[in-house]
Amino acid sequence: MANLPAQFRQALSTNLLTFTKFRELLNKVEAYRPSDDLEPLRRAYQTAAQFHGNQRRHSGELYLAHPVAVADILAELRMDIPTLQTALLHDVVEDTQMTIEEVRSQFGAEVADLVAGVTKIGKFEFASREERQARSEEQTSELQSRFG
């Protein structure tokens, strides 16, 4: 791996880390929902990975890391499979070419309605800059405590 270009090594490493976090998520869900079929969750991850591709956030973090982290938080709360699928897919309609109709076709009405609802929540305006900053700091702190 040392002979590979640095940018490629970083991309490979980041993708492996995100995939590892997803495998940990699957293990966690399987522990509290042992009779549930996890294939729909795998399909949601694969779809999010396909549509987000190598998109990166301003921080340089792979975009897919955020939906996986959200799904992990919801798994800690022992949420059901459609809720976890929604976590993995919640940004694809806003940030990629995937449409809510495609989500509905591939994952059903329940997941599509949840994704649409989360998308609408994200459009609410906060009353002040301080509230936006506080929300951002809370989310950052939560993610750092999970992965930092």
N, C-alpha and C. Protein backbone atom coordinates (compact mmCIF):
# COMPACT_ATOMS: atom_id res chain seq x y z
N MET A 1 0.82 -1.19 0.00
CA MET A 1 0.00 0.00 0.00
C MET A 1 0.87 1.26 0.00
N ALA A 2 2.08 1.16 0.50
CA ALA A 2 2.98 2.31 0.58
C ALA A 2 3.33 2.85 -0.81
N ASN A 3 3.23 2.02 -1.83
CA ASN A 3 3.56 2.46 -3.19
C ASN A 3 2.41 3.20 -3.86
N LEU A 4 1.25 3.18 -3.25
CA LEU A 4 0.09 3.86 -3.83
C LEU A 4 0.17 5.36 -3.56
N PRO A 5 -0.40 6.17 -4.45
CA PRO A 5 -0.41 7.62 -4.21
C PRO A 5 -1.12 7.95 -2.89
N ALA A 6 -0.66 8.99 -2.23
CA ALA A 6 -1.18 9.37 -0.91
C ALA A 6 -2.68 9.62 -0.95
N GLN A 7 -3.17 10.29 -1.98
CA GLN A 7 -4.59 10.59 -2.08
C GLN A 7 -5.42 9.30 -2.18
N PHE A 8 -4.92 8.34 -2.94
CA PHE A 8 -5.61 7.06 -3.07
C PHE A 8 -5.58 6.30 -1.75
N ARG A 9 -4.44 6.30 -1.06
CA ARG A 9 -4.34 5.63 0.25
C ARG A 9 -5.33 6.23 1.23
N GLN A 10 -5.44 7.57 1.24
CA GLN A 10 -6.37 8.23 2.16
C GLN A 10 -7.81 7.86 1.82
N ALA A 11 -8.16 7.86 0.54
CA ALA A 11 -9.52 7.51 0.13
C ALA A 11 -9.84 6.08 0.51
N LEU A 12 -8.92 5.17 0.28
CA LEU A 12 -9.11 3.77 0.63
C LEU A 12 -9.28 3.62 2.14
N SER A 13 -8.43 4.27 2.89
CA SER A 13 -8.49 4.22 4.35
C SER A 13 -9.82 4.76 4.88
N THR A 14 -10.26 5.89 4.34
CA THR A 14 -11.51 6.50 4.78
C THR A 14 -12.69 5.61 4.43
N ASN A 15 -12.69 5.03 3.23
CA ASN A 15 -13.77 4.13 2.83
C ASN A 15 -13.81 2.89 3.72
N LEU A 16 -12.64 2.35 4.04
CA LEU A 16 -12.60 1.18 4.92
C LEU A 16 -13.10 1.52 6.32
N LEU A 17 -12.75 2.70 6.81
CA LEU A 17 -13.22 3.12 8.13
C LEU A 17 -14.73 3.24 8.15
N THR A 18 -15.30 3.86 7.13
CA THR A 18 -16.75 4.01 7.06
C THR A 18 -17.42 2.65 6.94
N PHE A 19 -16.88 1.78 6.12
CA PHE A 19 -17.45 0.43 5.99
C PHE A 19 -17.35 -0.32 7.31
N THR A 20 -16.24 -0.18 8.01
CA THR A 20 -16.07 -0.83 9.32
C THR A 20 -17.12 -0.33 10.30
N LYS A 21 -17.37 0.98 10.31
CA LYS A 21 -18.40 1.54 11.18
C LYS A 21 -19.77 0.97 10.82
N PHE A 22 -20.02 0.77 9.53
CA PHE A 22 -21.29 0.18 9.12
C PHE A 22 -21.39 -1.27 9.58
N ARG A 23 -20.31 -2.02 9.49
CA ARG A 23 -20.33 -3.42 9.97
C ARG A 23 -20.60 -3.45 11.48
N GLU A 24 -20.02 -2.52 12.21
CA GLU A 24 -20.29 -2.43 13.65
C GLU A 24 -21.76 -2.12 13.90
N LEU A 25 -22.33 -1.25 13.08
CA LEU A 25 -23.75 -0.93 13.17
C LEU A 25 -24.59 -2.18 12.95
N LEU A 26 -24.27 -2.96 11.92
CA LEU A 26 -25.01 -4.19 11.66
C LEU A 26 -24.96 -5.14 12.86
N ASN A 27 -23.78 -5.28 13.44
CA ASN A 27 -23.63 -6.15 14.62
C ASN A 27 -24.48 -5.65 15.78
N LYS A 28 -24.50 -4.35 15.97
CA LYS A 28 -25.29 -3.75 17.05
C LYS A 28 -26.78 -4.01 16.84
N VAL A 29 -27.24 -3.80 15.61
CA VAL A 29 -28.66 -4.00 15.30
C VAL A 29 -29.04 -5.47 15.43
N GLU A 30 -28.17 -6.33 14.97
CA GLU A 30 -28.43 -7.76 15.06
C GLU A 30 -28.56 -8.20 16.52
N ALA A 31 -27.81 -7.57 17.40
CA ALA A 31 -27.87 -7.92 18.82
C ALA A 31 -29.21 -7.57 19.45
N TYR A 32 -29.82 -6.45 19.05
CA TYR A 32 -31.10 -6.09 19.67
C TYR A 32 -32.32 -6.41 18.81
N ARG A 33 -32.10 -6.82 17.57
CA ARG A 33 -33.19 -7.22 16.68
C ARG A 33 -32.77 -8.52 15.98
N PRO A 34 -32.54 -9.59 16.74
CA PRO A 34 -31.96 -10.81 16.16
C PRO A 34 -32.82 -11.49 15.10
N SER A 35 -34.11 -11.27 15.10
CA SER A 35 -34.96 -11.94 14.12
C SER A 35 -35.23 -11.08 12.88
N ASP A 36 -34.76 -9.84 12.87
CA ASP A 36 -34.99 -8.95 11.73
C ASP A 36 -34.04 -9.27 10.58
N ASP A 37 -34.55 -9.11 9.36
CA ASP A 37 -33.75 -9.24 8.15
C ASP A 37 -32.95 -7.94 7.99
N LEU A 38 -31.64 -8.03 7.96
CA LEU A 38 -30.79 -6.85 7.84
C LEU A 38 -30.47 -6.47 6.39
N GLU A 39 -30.96 -7.27 5.45
CA GLU A 39 -30.68 -6.97 4.05
C GLU A 39 -31.20 -5.59 3.63
N PRO A 40 -32.38 -5.15 4.06
CA PRO A 40 -32.81 -3.79 3.70
C PRO A 40 -31.85 -2.71 4.20
N LEU A 41 -31.24 -2.95 5.34
CA LEU A 41 -30.27 -2.00 5.88
C LEU A 41 -29.00 -2.00 5.02
N ARG A 42 -28.57 -3.17 4.60
CA ARG A 42 -27.40 -3.27 3.72
C ARG A 42 -27.67 -2.56 2.39
N ARG A 43 -28.89 -2.75 1.85
CA ARG A 43 -29.23 -2.09 0.59
C ARG A 43 -29.23 -0.57 0.74
N ALA A 44 -29.72 -0.08 1.87
CA ALA A 44 -29.72 1.37 2.11
C ALA A 44 -28.29 1.89 2.16
N TYR A 45 -27.41 1.17 2.85
CA TYR A 45 -26.00 1.58 2.91
C TYR A 45 -25.38 1.58 1.52
N GLN A 46 -25.61 0.50 0.77
CA GLN A 46 -25.03 0.40 -0.58
C GLN A 46 -25.56 1.52 -1.49
N THR A 47 -26.83 1.84 -1.36
CA THR A 47 -27.41 2.91 -2.17
C THR A 47 -26.81 4.26 -1.79
N ALA A 48 -26.71 4.52 -0.49
CA ALA A 48 -26.11 5.78 -0.04
C ALA A 48 -24.66 5.87 -0.50
N ALA A 49 -23.93 4.76 -0.39
CA ALA A 49 -22.53 4.75 -0.83
C ALA A 49 -22.42 4.99 -2.32
N GLN A 50 -23.31 4.38 -3.09
CA GLN A 50 -23.30 4.55 -4.54
C GLN A 50 -23.60 6.00 -4.92
N PHE A 51 -24.62 6.58 -4.32
CA PHE A 51 -25.03 7.92 -4.72
C PHE A 51 -24.08 9.00 -4.17
N HIS A 52 -23.58 8.80 -2.96
CA HIS A 52 -22.65 9.79 -2.41
C HIS A 52 -21.26 9.63 -3.00
N GLY A 53 -20.93 8.40 -3.42
CA GLY A 53 -19.63 8.16 -4.05
C GLY A 53 -18.49 8.65 -3.17
N ASN A 54 -17.61 9.41 -3.73
CA ASN A 54 -16.48 9.96 -2.98
C ASN A 54 -16.72 11.41 -2.57
N GLN A 55 -18.01 11.81 -2.48
CA GLN A 55 -18.32 13.15 -1.99
C GLN A 55 -17.69 13.35 -0.63
N ARG A 56 -17.17 14.53 -0.42
CA ARG A 56 -16.55 14.84 0.87
C ARG A 56 -17.14 16.12 1.43
N ARG A 57 -17.16 16.19 2.73
CA ARG A 57 -17.61 17.40 3.42
C ARG A 57 -16.47 18.41 3.38
N HIS A 58 -16.75 19.64 3.81
CA HIS A 58 -15.71 20.67 3.82
C HIS A 58 -14.52 20.25 4.68
N SER A 59 -14.78 19.42 5.68
CA SER A 59 -13.72 18.96 6.58
C SER A 59 -12.80 17.94 5.91
N GLY A 60 -13.22 17.42 4.74
CA GLY A 60 -12.46 16.38 4.06
C GLY A 60 -12.98 14.99 4.37
N GLU A 61 -13.88 14.90 5.35
CA GLU A 61 -14.47 13.61 5.73
C GLU A 61 -15.36 13.09 4.62
N LEU A 62 -15.33 11.80 4.40
CA LEU A 62 -16.20 11.16 3.43
C LEU A 62 -17.65 11.44 3.81
N TYR A 63 -18.46 11.86 2.86
CA TYR A 63 -19.84 12.25 3.13
C TYR A 63 -20.62 11.13 3.78
N LEU A 64 -20.36 9.91 3.37
CA LEU A 64 -21.10 8.76 3.88
C LEU A 64 -20.90 8.54 5.38
N ALA A 65 -19.83 9.07 5.94
CA ALA A 65 -19.58 8.89 7.38
C ALA A 65 -20.70 9.49 8.21
N HIS A 66 -21.28 10.60 7.76
CA HIS A 66 -22.36 11.24 8.53
C HIS A 66 -23.61 10.37 8.61
N PRO A 67 -24.16 9.87 7.49
CA PRO A 67 -25.34 9.01 7.61
C PRO A 67 -25.08 7.76 8.44
N VAL A 68 -23.90 7.20 8.34
CA VAL A 68 -23.57 6.02 9.15
C VAL A 68 -23.56 6.40 10.64
N ALA A 69 -23.01 7.57 10.96
CA ALA A 69 -22.99 8.03 12.35
C ALA A 69 -24.40 8.28 12.87
N VAL A 70 -25.25 8.85 12.04
CA VAL A 70 -26.65 9.08 12.45
C VAL A 70 -27.34 7.75 12.70
N ALA A 71 -27.14 6.80 11.81
CA ALA A 71 -27.74 5.47 11.99
C ALA A 71 -27.23 4.81 13.27
N ASP A 72 -25.96 5.01 13.58
CA ASP A 72 -25.39 4.45 14.80
C ASP A 72 -26.04 5.05 16.04
N ILE A 73 -26.25 6.35 16.03
CA ILE A 73 -26.93 7.01 17.16
C ILE A 73 -28.33 6.43 17.34
N LEU A 74 -29.04 6.26 16.22
CA LEU A 74 -30.40 5.71 16.29
C LEU A 74 -30.40 4.24 16.71
N ALA A 75 -29.36 3.51 16.33
CA ALA A 75 -29.25 2.11 16.78
C ALA A 75 -29.02 2.05 18.29
N GLU A 76 -28.29 3.02 18.82
CA GLU A 76 -28.11 3.09 20.28
C GLU A 76 -29.47 3.25 20.97
N LEU A 77 -30.39 3.90 20.28
CA LEU A 77 -31.75 4.10 20.79
C LEU A 77 -32.67 2.93 20.44
N ARG A 78 -32.09 1.90 19.79
CA ARG A 78 -32.78 0.67 19.45
C ARG A 78 -33.94 0.88 18.48
N MET A 79 -33.71 1.72 17.49
CA MET A 79 -34.73 2.01 16.49
C MET A 79 -34.89 0.84 15.52
N ASP A 80 -36.03 0.84 14.81
CA ASP A 80 -36.33 -0.22 13.87
C ASP A 80 -35.58 -0.04 12.54
N ILE A 81 -35.69 -1.04 11.68
CA ILE A 81 -34.96 -1.05 10.42
C ILE A 81 -35.35 0.12 9.50
N PRO A 82 -36.64 0.42 9.30
CA PRO A 82 -36.97 1.57 8.44
C PRO A 82 -36.38 2.89 8.95
N THR A 83 -36.32 3.07 10.25
CA THR A 83 -35.73 4.29 10.81
C THR A 83 -34.24 4.34 10.51
N LEU A 84 -33.57 3.20 10.63
CA LEU A 84 -32.13 3.14 10.34
C LEU A 84 -31.86 3.32 8.85
N GLN A 85 -32.73 2.77 8.01
CA GLN A 85 -32.60 2.99 6.57
C GLN A 85 -32.72 4.49 6.27
N THR A 86 -33.67 5.12 6.92
CA THR A 86 -33.87 6.56 6.73
C THR A 86 -32.62 7.33 7.11
N ALA A 87 -31.99 6.94 8.20
CA ALA A 87 -30.76 7.61 8.63
C ALA A 87 -29.69 7.50 7.54
N LEU A 88 -29.57 6.32 6.96
CA LEU A 88 -28.56 6.12 5.93
C LEU A 88 -28.88 6.86 4.63
N LEU A 89 -30.17 7.05 4.37
CA LEU A 89 -30.59 7.65 3.10
C LEU A 89 -30.98 9.13 3.22
N HIS A 90 -30.94 9.68 4.42
CA HIS A 90 -31.55 11.00 4.63
C HIS A 90 -30.94 12.13 3.82
N ASP A 91 -29.73 12.00 3.35
CA ASP A 91 -29.11 13.07 2.57
C ASP A 91 -29.12 12.81 1.06
N VAL A 92 -29.47 11.60 0.63
CA VAL A 92 -29.33 11.30 -0.80
C VAL A 92 -30.27 12.14 -1.67
N VAL A 93 -31.46 12.45 -1.16
CA VAL A 93 -32.41 13.22 -1.96
C VAL A 93 -31.96 14.68 -2.06
N GLU A 94 -31.38 15.20 -0.99
CA GLU A 94 -30.93 16.59 -0.98
C GLU A 94 -29.59 16.78 -1.70
N ASP A 95 -28.69 15.82 -1.56
CA ASP A 95 -27.31 16.04 -1.97
C ASP A 95 -26.83 15.21 -3.15
N THR A 96 -27.73 14.42 -3.75
CA THR A 96 -27.34 13.62 -4.91
C THR A 96 -28.46 13.69 -5.94
N GLN A 97 -28.34 12.90 -6.99
CA GLN A 97 -29.35 12.87 -8.05
C GLN A 97 -30.53 11.96 -7.73
N MET A 98 -30.49 11.24 -6.62
CA MET A 98 -31.59 10.34 -6.27
C MET A 98 -32.83 11.14 -5.91
N THR A 99 -33.97 10.68 -6.37
CA THR A 99 -35.23 11.37 -6.08
C THR A 99 -36.02 10.62 -5.01
N ILE A 100 -36.98 11.30 -4.42
CA ILE A 100 -37.83 10.65 -3.42
C ILE A 100 -38.64 9.52 -4.06
N GLU A 101 -38.96 9.66 -5.34
CA GLU A 101 -39.68 8.59 -6.05
C GLU A 101 -38.81 7.34 -6.17
N GLU A 102 -37.51 7.54 -6.39
CA GLU A 102 -36.60 6.39 -6.45
C GLU A 102 -36.48 5.73 -5.08
N VAL A 103 -36.44 6.54 -4.03
CA VAL A 103 -36.40 5.98 -2.68
C VAL A 103 -37.67 5.15 -2.46
N ARG A 104 -38.81 5.69 -2.85
CA ARG A 104 -40.09 4.99 -2.69
C ARG A 104 -40.07 3.66 -3.46
N SER A 105 -39.59 3.70 -4.69
CA SER A 105 -39.54 2.52 -5.52
C SER A 105 -38.62 1.44 -4.96
N GLN A 106 -37.47 1.86 -4.43
CA GLN A 106 -36.48 0.89 -3.96
C GLN A 106 -36.67 0.45 -2.51
N PHE A 107 -37.26 1.35 -1.68
CA PHE A 107 -37.31 1.06 -0.24
C PHE A 107 -38.72 1.10 0.35
N GLY A 108 -39.70 1.46 -0.45
CA GLY A 108 -41.08 1.46 0.02
C GLY A 108 -41.54 2.82 0.52
N ALA A 109 -42.85 2.89 0.71
CA ALA A 109 -43.50 4.15 1.10
C ALA A 109 -43.07 4.63 2.48
N GLU A 110 -42.93 3.71 3.43
CA GLU A 110 -42.58 4.12 4.79
C GLU A 110 -41.23 4.84 4.83
N VAL A 111 -40.22 4.24 4.23
CA VAL A 111 -38.89 4.85 4.22
C VAL A 111 -38.91 6.15 3.42
N ALA A 112 -39.58 6.16 2.28
CA ALA A 112 -39.65 7.38 1.47
C ALA A 112 -40.32 8.51 2.24
N ASP A 113 -41.39 8.21 2.95
CA ASP A 113 -42.08 9.24 3.73
C ASP A 113 -41.19 9.76 4.87
N LEU A 114 -40.46 8.85 5.50
CA LEU A 114 -39.54 9.27 6.56
C LEU A 114 -38.42 10.15 6.00
N VAL A 115 -37.85 9.75 4.87
CA VAL A 115 -36.78 10.55 4.24
C VAL A 115 -37.33 11.92 3.86
N ALA A 116 -38.52 11.95 3.29
CA ALA A 116 -39.13 13.24 2.90
C ALA A 116 -39.35 14.10 4.14
N GLY A 117 -39.77 13.50 5.23
CA GLY A 117 -39.99 14.26 6.46
C GLY A 117 -38.71 14.82 7.02
N VAL A 118 -37.65 14.02 7.03
CA VAL A 118 -36.36 14.49 7.53
C VAL A 118 -35.85 15.63 6.64
N THR A 119 -36.05 15.50 5.35
CA THR A 119 -35.63 16.55 4.41
C THR A 119 -36.36 17.85 4.71
N LYS A 120 -37.64 17.77 5.02
CA LYS A 120 -38.42 18.98 5.34
C LYS A 120 -37.97 19.59 6.66
N ILE A 121 -37.67 18.75 7.64
CA ILE A 121 -37.19 19.27 8.93
C ILE A 121 -35.91 20.08 8.73
N GLY A 122 -35.05 19.60 7.86
CA GLY A 122 -33.79 20.29 7.60
C GLY A 122 -33.96 21.67 6.98
N LYS A 123 -35.14 21.94 6.45
CA LYS A 123 -35.39 23.24 5.82
C LYS A 123 -35.96 24.28 6.79
N PHE A 124 -36.28 23.87 8.02
CA PHE A 124 -36.78 24.84 9.00
C PHE A 124 -35.71 25.87 9.29
N GLU A 125 -36.12 27.08 9.44
CA GLU A 125 -35.20 28.16 9.78
C GLU A 125 -35.13 28.30 11.29
N PHE A 126 -33.94 28.48 11.80
CA PHE A 126 -33.77 28.73 13.22
C PHE A 126 -33.94 30.23 13.47
N ALA A 127 -34.36 30.55 14.66
CA ALA A 127 -34.68 31.94 14.97
C ALA A 127 -33.45 32.84 14.99
N SER A 128 -32.30 32.28 15.28
CA SER A 128 -31.13 33.15 15.41
C SER A 128 -29.85 32.41 15.03
N ARG A 129 -28.82 33.18 14.83
CA ARG A 129 -27.49 32.63 14.55
C ARG A 129 -27.02 31.80 15.74
N GLU A 130 -27.34 32.24 16.95
CA GLU A 130 -26.92 31.53 18.16
C GLU A 130 -27.53 30.14 18.21
N GLU A 131 -28.80 30.01 17.81
CA GLU A 131 -29.44 28.71 17.81
C GLU A 131 -28.80 27.78 16.77
N ARG A 132 -28.49 28.32 15.60
CA ARG A 132 -27.81 27.52 14.58
C ARG A 132 -26.45 27.06 15.08
N GLN A 133 -25.71 27.96 15.71
CA GLN A 133 -24.39 27.63 16.25
C GLN A 133 -24.50 26.57 17.33
N ALA A 134 -25.48 26.73 18.22
CA ALA A 134 -25.67 25.76 19.30
C ALA A 134 -25.99 24.38 18.73
N ARG A 135 -26.84 24.33 17.72
CA ARG A 135 -27.19 23.05 17.10
C ARG A 135 -25.96 22.41 16.47
N SER A 136 -25.19 23.20 15.76
CA SER A 136 -23.98 22.70 15.12
C SER A 136 -22.99 22.16 16.16
N GLU A 137 -22.82 22.88 17.26
CA GLU A 137 -21.91 22.45 18.31
C GLU A 137 -22.39 21.16 18.97
N GLU A 138 -23.71 21.02 19.16
CA GLU A 138 -24.26 19.79 19.75
C GLU A 138 -23.98 18.60 18.84
N GLN A 139 -24.22 18.78 17.54
CA GLN A 139 -23.99 17.69 16.60
C GLN A 139 -22.51 17.33 16.54
N THR A 140 -21.65 18.31 16.51
CA THR A 140 -20.21 18.07 16.47
C THR A 140 -19.76 17.33 17.72
N SER A 141 -20.23 17.78 18.86
CA SER A 141 -19.87 17.15 20.13
C SER A 141 -20.32 15.69 20.17
N GLU A 142 -21.53 15.44 19.71
CA GLU A 142 -22.05 14.07 19.69
C GLU A 142 -21.19 13.17 18.81
N LEU A 143 -20.86 13.65 17.63
CA LEU A 143 -20.04 12.85 16.71
C LEU A 143 -18.64 12.63 17.26
N GLN A 144 -18.07 13.66 17.88
CA GLN A 144 -16.73 13.53 18.45
C GLN A 144 -16.74 12.52 19.59
N SER A 145 -17.79 12.51 20.39
CA SER A 145 -17.84 11.56 21.50
C SER A 145 -17.96 10.14 20.98
N ARG A 146 -18.59 9.97 19.82
CA ARG A 146 -18.77 8.64 19.24
C ARG A 146 -17.51 8.16 18.52
N PHE A 147 -16.86 9.07 17.80
CA PHE A 147 -15.76 8.65 16.93
C PHE A 147 -14.42 9.25 17.29
N GLY A 148 -14.40 10.18 18.23
CA GLY A 148 -13.17 10.91 18.52
C GLY A 148 -12.36 10.25 19.54
